[in-house]
Amino acid sequence: MTQKPLPQAPTRPEEMSPEPHFFRRLHTRMHANPVTGLVTKVVVTVVGIAVILAGLVMMVAPGPGIVAIILGLAILSTEWSWAERALDRAKVAAHNAAEKARNMDPKVRQRRLVASGLGVVLVFAAVTTYVVLYGWPKLAITGWNWVQGLSGVVPELPGM
């Protein structure tokens, strides 16, 4: 009967579980081969950067921009240590922002919520007015023709 060697003390939280997490095992398996390791690194990098860019767009457009940026950093942190450090800083900043929001004066919070709601209603009204004035089918066809003018790869609309 052979004895198992004594395990070393865990240094990271994912090492404390009796068996590595599914994604950690998959990551290790993918990086066992240099080709799949490189493909994994490239795919994770492209996806992570795309999510971060979408988050940056959502900072000025409607959407959860900060959440997308943190998600993109989390994706990148599976392959890059600099992203893990940036993710840690982002988590601290998000926690501090949440604390600041909790400690905000209720009247200020109410004014901000009303102003945000009014802004959403105004944007909705402006888009609706634009579509009603210029007509949806004409707007859609004109927009599609413009996109086709940018690239010859864009297909024709069916029935056009």
C-alpha atoms as a PDB file:
ATOM      1  CA  MET A   1       0.000   0.000   0.000  1.00  0.00           C
ATOM      2  CA  THR A   2       1.506   3.306  -1.083  1.00  0.00           C
ATOM      3  CA  GLN A   3       1.006   6.492   0.801  1.00  0.00           C
ATOM      4  CA  LYS A   4      -0.007   9.706  -0.902  1.00  0.00           C
ATOM      5  CA  PRO A   5       2.430  12.597  -0.517  1.00  0.00           C
ATOM      6  CA  LEU A   6       1.310  15.295   1.889  1.00  0.00           C
ATOM      7  CA  PRO A   7      -0.200  18.262   0.073  1.00  0.00           C
ATOM      8  CA  GLN A   8       1.457  21.627   0.365  1.00  0.00           C
ATOM      9  CA  ALA A   9      -0.378  24.462   2.072  1.00  0.00           C
ATOM     10  CA  PRO A  10      -2.734  26.237  -0.349  1.00  0.00           C
ATOM     11  CA  THR A  11      -1.775  29.776  -1.262  1.00  0.00           C
ATOM     12  CA  ARG A  12      -4.720  30.799  -3.443  1.00  0.00           C
ATOM     13  CA  PRO A  13      -8.469  30.463  -2.715  1.00  0.00           C
ATOM     14  CA  GLU A  14      -9.084  28.182  -5.705  1.00  0.00           C
ATOM     15  CA  GLU A  15      -6.395  25.822  -4.373  1.00  0.00           C
ATOM     16  CA  MET A  16      -8.188  25.447  -1.033  1.00  0.00           C
ATOM     17  CA  SER A  17     -10.993  23.302  -2.434  1.00  0.00           C
ATOM     18  CA  PRO A  18     -10.343  19.544  -2.433  1.00  0.00           C
ATOM     19  CA  GLU A  19     -10.513  19.439  -6.230  1.00  0.00           C
ATOM     20  CA  PRO A  20      -9.710  22.310  -8.599  1.00  0.00           C
ATOM     21  CA  HIS A  21     -12.668  24.156 -10.058  1.00  0.00           C
ATOM     22  CA  PHE A  22     -13.896  22.981 -13.485  1.00  0.00           C
ATOM     23  CA  PHE A  23     -12.606  26.087 -15.270  1.00  0.00           C
ATOM     24  CA  ARG A  24      -9.205  25.805 -13.577  1.00  0.00           C
ATOM     25  CA  ARG A  25      -8.927  22.176 -14.751  1.00  0.00           C
ATOM     26  CA  LEU A  26     -10.007  23.167 -18.263  1.00  0.00           C
ATOM     27  CA  HIS A  27      -7.504  26.035 -18.304  1.00  0.00           C
ATOM     28  CA  THR A  28      -4.697  23.702 -17.233  1.00  0.00           C
ATOM     29  CA  ARG A  29      -5.679  21.138 -19.874  1.00  0.00           C
ATOM     30  CA  MET A  30      -5.841  23.784 -22.630  1.00  0.00           C
ATOM     31  CA  HIS A  31      -2.393  25.122 -21.735  1.00  0.00           C
ATOM     32  CA  ALA A  32      -0.807  21.659 -21.634  1.00  0.00           C
ATOM     33  CA  ASN A  33      -0.388  21.851 -25.414  1.00  0.00           C
ATOM     34  CA  PRO A  34       1.429  24.928 -26.794  1.00  0.00           C
ATOM     35  CA  VAL A  35      -0.929  25.281 -29.770  1.00  0.00           C
ATOM     36  CA  THR A  36      -4.164  25.108 -27.780  1.00  0.00           C
ATOM     37  CA  GLY A  37      -2.579  27.314 -25.132  1.00  0.00           C
ATOM     38  CA  LEU A  38      -1.827  29.991 -27.711  1.00  0.00           C
ATOM     39  CA  VAL A  39      -5.286  29.706 -29.282  1.00  0.00           C
ATOM     40  CA  THR A  40      -6.878  29.947 -25.839  1.00  0.00           C
ATOM     41  CA  LYS A  41      -4.836  33.022 -24.975  1.00  0.00           C
ATOM     42  CA  VAL A  42      -5.734  34.734 -28.265  1.00  0.00           C
ATOM     43  CA  VAL A  43      -9.458  33.913 -27.999  1.00  0.00           C
ATOM     44  CA  VAL A  44      -9.669  35.001 -24.358  1.00  0.00           C
ATOM     45  CA  THR A  45      -7.807  38.224 -25.163  1.00  0.00           C
ATOM     46  CA  VAL A  46     -10.051  39.075 -28.125  1.00  0.00           C
ATOM     47  CA  VAL A  47     -13.254  38.314 -26.193  1.00  0.00           C
ATOM     48  CA  GLY A  48     -12.073  40.218 -23.100  1.00  0.00           C
ATOM     49  CA  ILE A  49     -11.084  43.287 -25.102  1.00  0.00           C
ATOM     50  CA  ALA A  50     -14.386  43.184 -27.009  1.00  0.00           C
ATOM     51  CA  VAL A  51     -16.344  43.125 -23.739  1.00  0.00           C
ATOM     52  CA  ILE A  52     -14.273  46.010 -22.358  1.00  0.00           C
ATOM     53  CA  LEU A  53     -14.828  48.035 -25.539  1.00  0.00           C
ATOM     54  CA  ALA A  54     -18.563  47.343 -25.316  1.00  0.00           C
ATOM     55  CA  GLY A  55     -18.413  48.558 -21.709  1.00  0.00           C
ATOM     56  CA  LEU A  56     -16.655  51.748 -22.786  1.00  0.00           C
ATOM     57  CA  VAL A  57     -19.359  52.353 -25.395  1.00  0.00           C
ATOM     58  CA  MET A  58     -21.991  51.756 -22.725  1.00  0.00           C
ATOM     59  CA  MET A  59     -20.397  54.448 -20.562  1.00  0.00           C
ATOM     60  CA  VAL A  60     -21.815  57.044 -22.966  1.00  0.00           C
ATOM     61  CA  ALA A  61     -24.708  54.989 -24.359  1.00  0.00           C
ATOM     62  CA  PRO A  62     -27.388  53.309 -22.280  1.00  0.00           C
ATOM     63  CA  GLY A  63     -26.197  50.125 -20.639  1.00  0.00           C
ATOM     64  CA  PRO A  64     -24.249  48.715 -17.714  1.00  0.00           C
ATOM     65  CA  GLY A  65     -20.830  50.003 -18.791  1.00  0.00           C
ATOM     66  CA  ILE A  66     -19.018  49.497 -15.501  1.00  0.00           C
ATOM     67  CA  VAL A  67     -20.342  45.953 -15.181  1.00  0.00           C
ATOM     68  CA  ALA A  68     -19.163  45.124 -18.715  1.00  0.00           C
ATOM     69  CA  ILE A  69     -15.709  46.570 -18.060  1.00  0.00           C
ATOM     70  CA  ILE A  70     -15.355  44.522 -14.875  1.00  0.00           C
ATOM     71  CA  LEU A  71     -16.596  41.422 -16.746  1.00  0.00           C
ATOM     72  CA  GLY A  72     -14.049  42.047 -19.505  1.00  0.00           C
ATOM     73  CA  LEU A  73     -11.274  42.370 -16.934  1.00  0.00           C
ATOM     74  CA  ALA A  74     -12.442  39.138 -15.303  1.00  0.00           C
ATOM     75  CA  ILE A  75     -12.238  37.386 -18.669  1.00  0.00           C
ATOM     76  CA  LEU A  76      -8.770  38.786 -19.338  1.00  0.00           C
ATOM     77  CA  SER A  77      -7.591  37.922 -15.825  1.00  0.00           C
ATOM     78  CA  THR A  78      -7.832  34.218 -16.676  1.00  0.00           C
ATOM     79  CA  GLU A  79      -4.804  34.711 -18.939  1.00  0.00           C
ATOM     80  CA  TRP A  80      -3.078  37.947 -17.907  1.00  0.00           C
ATOM     81  CA  SER A  81      -1.778  38.936 -14.462  1.00  0.00           C
ATOM     82  CA  TRP A  82      -2.025  42.672 -15.222  1.00  0.00           C
ATOM     83  CA  ALA A  83      -5.761  42.210 -15.797  1.00  0.00           C
ATOM     84  CA  GLU A  84      -6.080  40.448 -12.454  1.00  0.00           C
ATOM     85  CA  ARG A  85      -4.461  43.423 -10.718  1.00  0.00           C
ATOM     86  CA  ALA A  86      -6.717  45.846 -12.614  1.00  0.00           C
ATOM     87  CA  LEU A  87      -9.738  43.714 -11.688  1.00  0.00           C
ATOM     88  CA  ASP A  88      -8.791  43.907  -8.004  1.00  0.00           C
ATOM     89  CA  ARG A  89      -8.563  47.714  -8.262  1.00  0.00           C
ATOM     90  CA  ALA A  90     -11.907  47.838 -10.101  1.00  0.00           C
ATOM     91  CA  LYS A  91     -13.565  45.730  -7.393  1.00  0.00           C
ATOM     92  CA  VAL A  92     -12.293  48.119  -4.712  1.00  0.00           C
ATOM     93  CA  ALA A  93     -13.523  51.124  -6.728  1.00  0.00           C
ATOM     94  CA  ALA A  94     -16.944  49.492  -7.248  1.00  0.00           C
ATOM     95  CA  HIS A  95     -17.210  48.748  -3.526  1.00  0.00           C
ATOM     96  CA  ASN A  96     -16.315  52.362  -2.678  1.00  0.00           C
ATOM     97  CA  ALA A  97     -18.895  53.666  -5.184  1.00  0.00           C
ATOM     98  CA  ALA A  98     -21.569  51.418  -3.673  1.00  0.00           C
ATOM     99  CA  GLU A  99     -20.743  52.702  -0.196  1.00  0.00           C
ATOM    100  CA  LYS A 100     -20.903  56.292  -1.434  1.00  0.00           C
ATOM    101  CA  ALA A 101     -24.320  55.620  -3.020  1.00  0.00           C
ATOM    102  CA  ARG A 102     -25.616  54.035   0.206  1.00  0.00           C
ATOM    103  CA  ASN A 103     -24.488  57.048   2.219  1.00  0.00           C
ATOM    104  CA  MET A 104     -25.998  59.562  -0.233  1.00  0.00           C
ATOM    105  CA  ASP A 105     -28.630  61.988   0.984  1.00  0.00           C
ATOM    106  CA  PRO A 106     -32.088  60.594   0.055  1.00  0.00           C
ATOM    107  CA  LYS A 107     -33.188  63.924  -1.460  1.00  0.00           C
ATOM    108  CA  VAL A 108     -30.123  64.030  -3.736  1.00  0.00           C
ATOM    109  CA  ARG A 109     -30.739  60.413  -4.764  1.00  0.00           C
ATOM    110  CA  GLN A 110     -34.383  61.224  -5.530  1.00  0.00           C
ATOM    111  CA  ARG A 111     -33.404  64.254  -7.660  1.00  0.00           C
ATOM    112  CA  ARG A 112     -30.899  62.139  -9.609  1.00  0.00           C
ATOM    113  CA  LEU A 113     -33.443  59.387 -10.209  1.00  0.00           C
ATOM    114  CA  VAL A 114     -36.032  61.895 -11.433  1.00  0.00           C
ATOM    115  CA  ALA A 115     -33.472  63.577 -13.720  1.00  0.00           C
ATOM    116  CA  SER A 116     -32.398  60.189 -15.137  1.00  0.00           C
ATOM    117  CA  GLY A 117     -36.000  59.144 -15.726  1.00  0.00           C
ATOM    118  CA  LEU A 118     -36.732  62.450 -17.428  1.00  0.00           C
ATOM    119  CA  GLY A 119     -33.675  61.970 -19.645  1.00  0.00           C
ATOM    120  CA  VAL A 120     -34.848  58.489 -20.692  1.00  0.00           C
ATOM    121  CA  VAL A 121     -38.329  59.820 -21.487  1.00  0.00           C
ATOM    122  CA  LEU A 122     -36.875  62.696 -23.556  1.00  0.00           C
ATOM    123  CA  VAL A 123     -34.608  60.375 -25.571  1.00  0.00           C
ATOM    124  CA  PHE A 124     -37.517  57.979 -26.178  1.00  0.00           C
ATOM    125  CA  ALA A 125     -39.729  60.876 -27.279  1.00  0.00           C
ATOM    126  CA  ALA A 126     -37.037  62.234 -29.621  1.00  0.00           C
ATOM    127  CA  VAL A 127     -36.477  58.846 -31.291  1.00  0.00           C
ATOM    128  CA  THR A 128     -40.230  58.240 -31.596  1.00  0.00           C
ATOM    129  CA  THR A 129     -40.764  61.697 -33.134  1.00  0.00           C
ATOM    130  CA  TYR A 130     -37.926  61.138 -35.595  1.00  0.00           C
ATOM    131  CA  VAL A 131     -39.310  57.765 -36.706  1.00  0.00           C
ATOM    132  CA  VAL A 132     -42.849  59.142 -37.034  1.00  0.00           C
ATOM    133  CA  LEU A 133     -41.726  62.178 -39.048  1.00  0.00           C
ATOM    134  CA  TYR A 134     -39.413  60.329 -41.428  1.00  0.00           C
ATOM    135  CA  GLY A 135     -41.294  57.017 -41.525  1.00  0.00           C
ATOM    136  CA  TRP A 136     -39.831  53.718 -40.366  1.00  0.00           C
ATOM    137  CA  PRO A 137     -39.613  51.804 -43.674  1.00  0.00           C
ATOM    138  CA  LYS A 138     -37.937  54.709 -45.438  1.00  0.00           C
ATOM    139  CA  LEU A 139     -35.548  55.206 -42.512  1.00  0.00           C
ATOM    140  CA  ALA A 140     -34.625  51.512 -42.417  1.00  0.00           C
ATOM    141  CA  ILE A 141     -34.051  51.257 -46.182  1.00  0.00           C
ATOM    142  CA  THR A 142     -32.030  54.475 -46.312  1.00  0.00           C
ATOM    143  CA  GLY A 143     -29.927  53.320 -43.365  1.00  0.00           C
ATOM    144  CA  TRP A 144     -29.311  49.910 -44.946  1.00  0.00           C
ATOM    145  CA  ASN A 145     -28.295  51.525 -48.252  1.00  0.00           C
ATOM    146  CA  TRP A 146     -25.855  53.715 -46.346  1.00  0.00           C
ATOM    147  CA  VAL A 147     -24.341  50.649 -44.630  1.00  0.00           C
ATOM    148  CA  GLN A 148     -24.022  48.925 -48.029  1.00  0.00           C
ATOM    149  CA  GLY A 149     -22.164  51.961 -49.332  1.00  0.00           C
ATOM    150  CA  LEU A 150     -19.548  51.470 -46.603  1.00  0.00           C
ATOM    151  CA  SER A 151     -18.761  47.898 -47.575  1.00  0.00           C
ATOM    152  CA  GLY A 152     -19.494  45.743 -50.595  1.00  0.00           C
ATOM    153  CA  VAL A 153     -19.785  42.696 -48.320  1.00  0.00           C
ATOM    154  CA  VAL A 154     -23.176  43.762 -46.906  1.00  0.00           C
ATOM    155  CA  PRO A 155     -25.960  41.860 -48.720  1.00  0.00           C
ATOM    156  CA  GLU A 156     -29.015  43.351 -50.420  1.00  0.00           C
ATOM    157  CA  LEU A 157     -32.258  43.461 -48.475  1.00  0.00           C
ATOM    158  CA  PRO A 158     -34.682  40.718 -49.488  1.00  0.00           C
ATOM    159  CA  GLY A 159     -37.221  41.947 -52.045  1.00  0.00           C
ATOM    160  CA  MET A 160     -35.213  45.043 -52.986  1.00  0.00           C
END
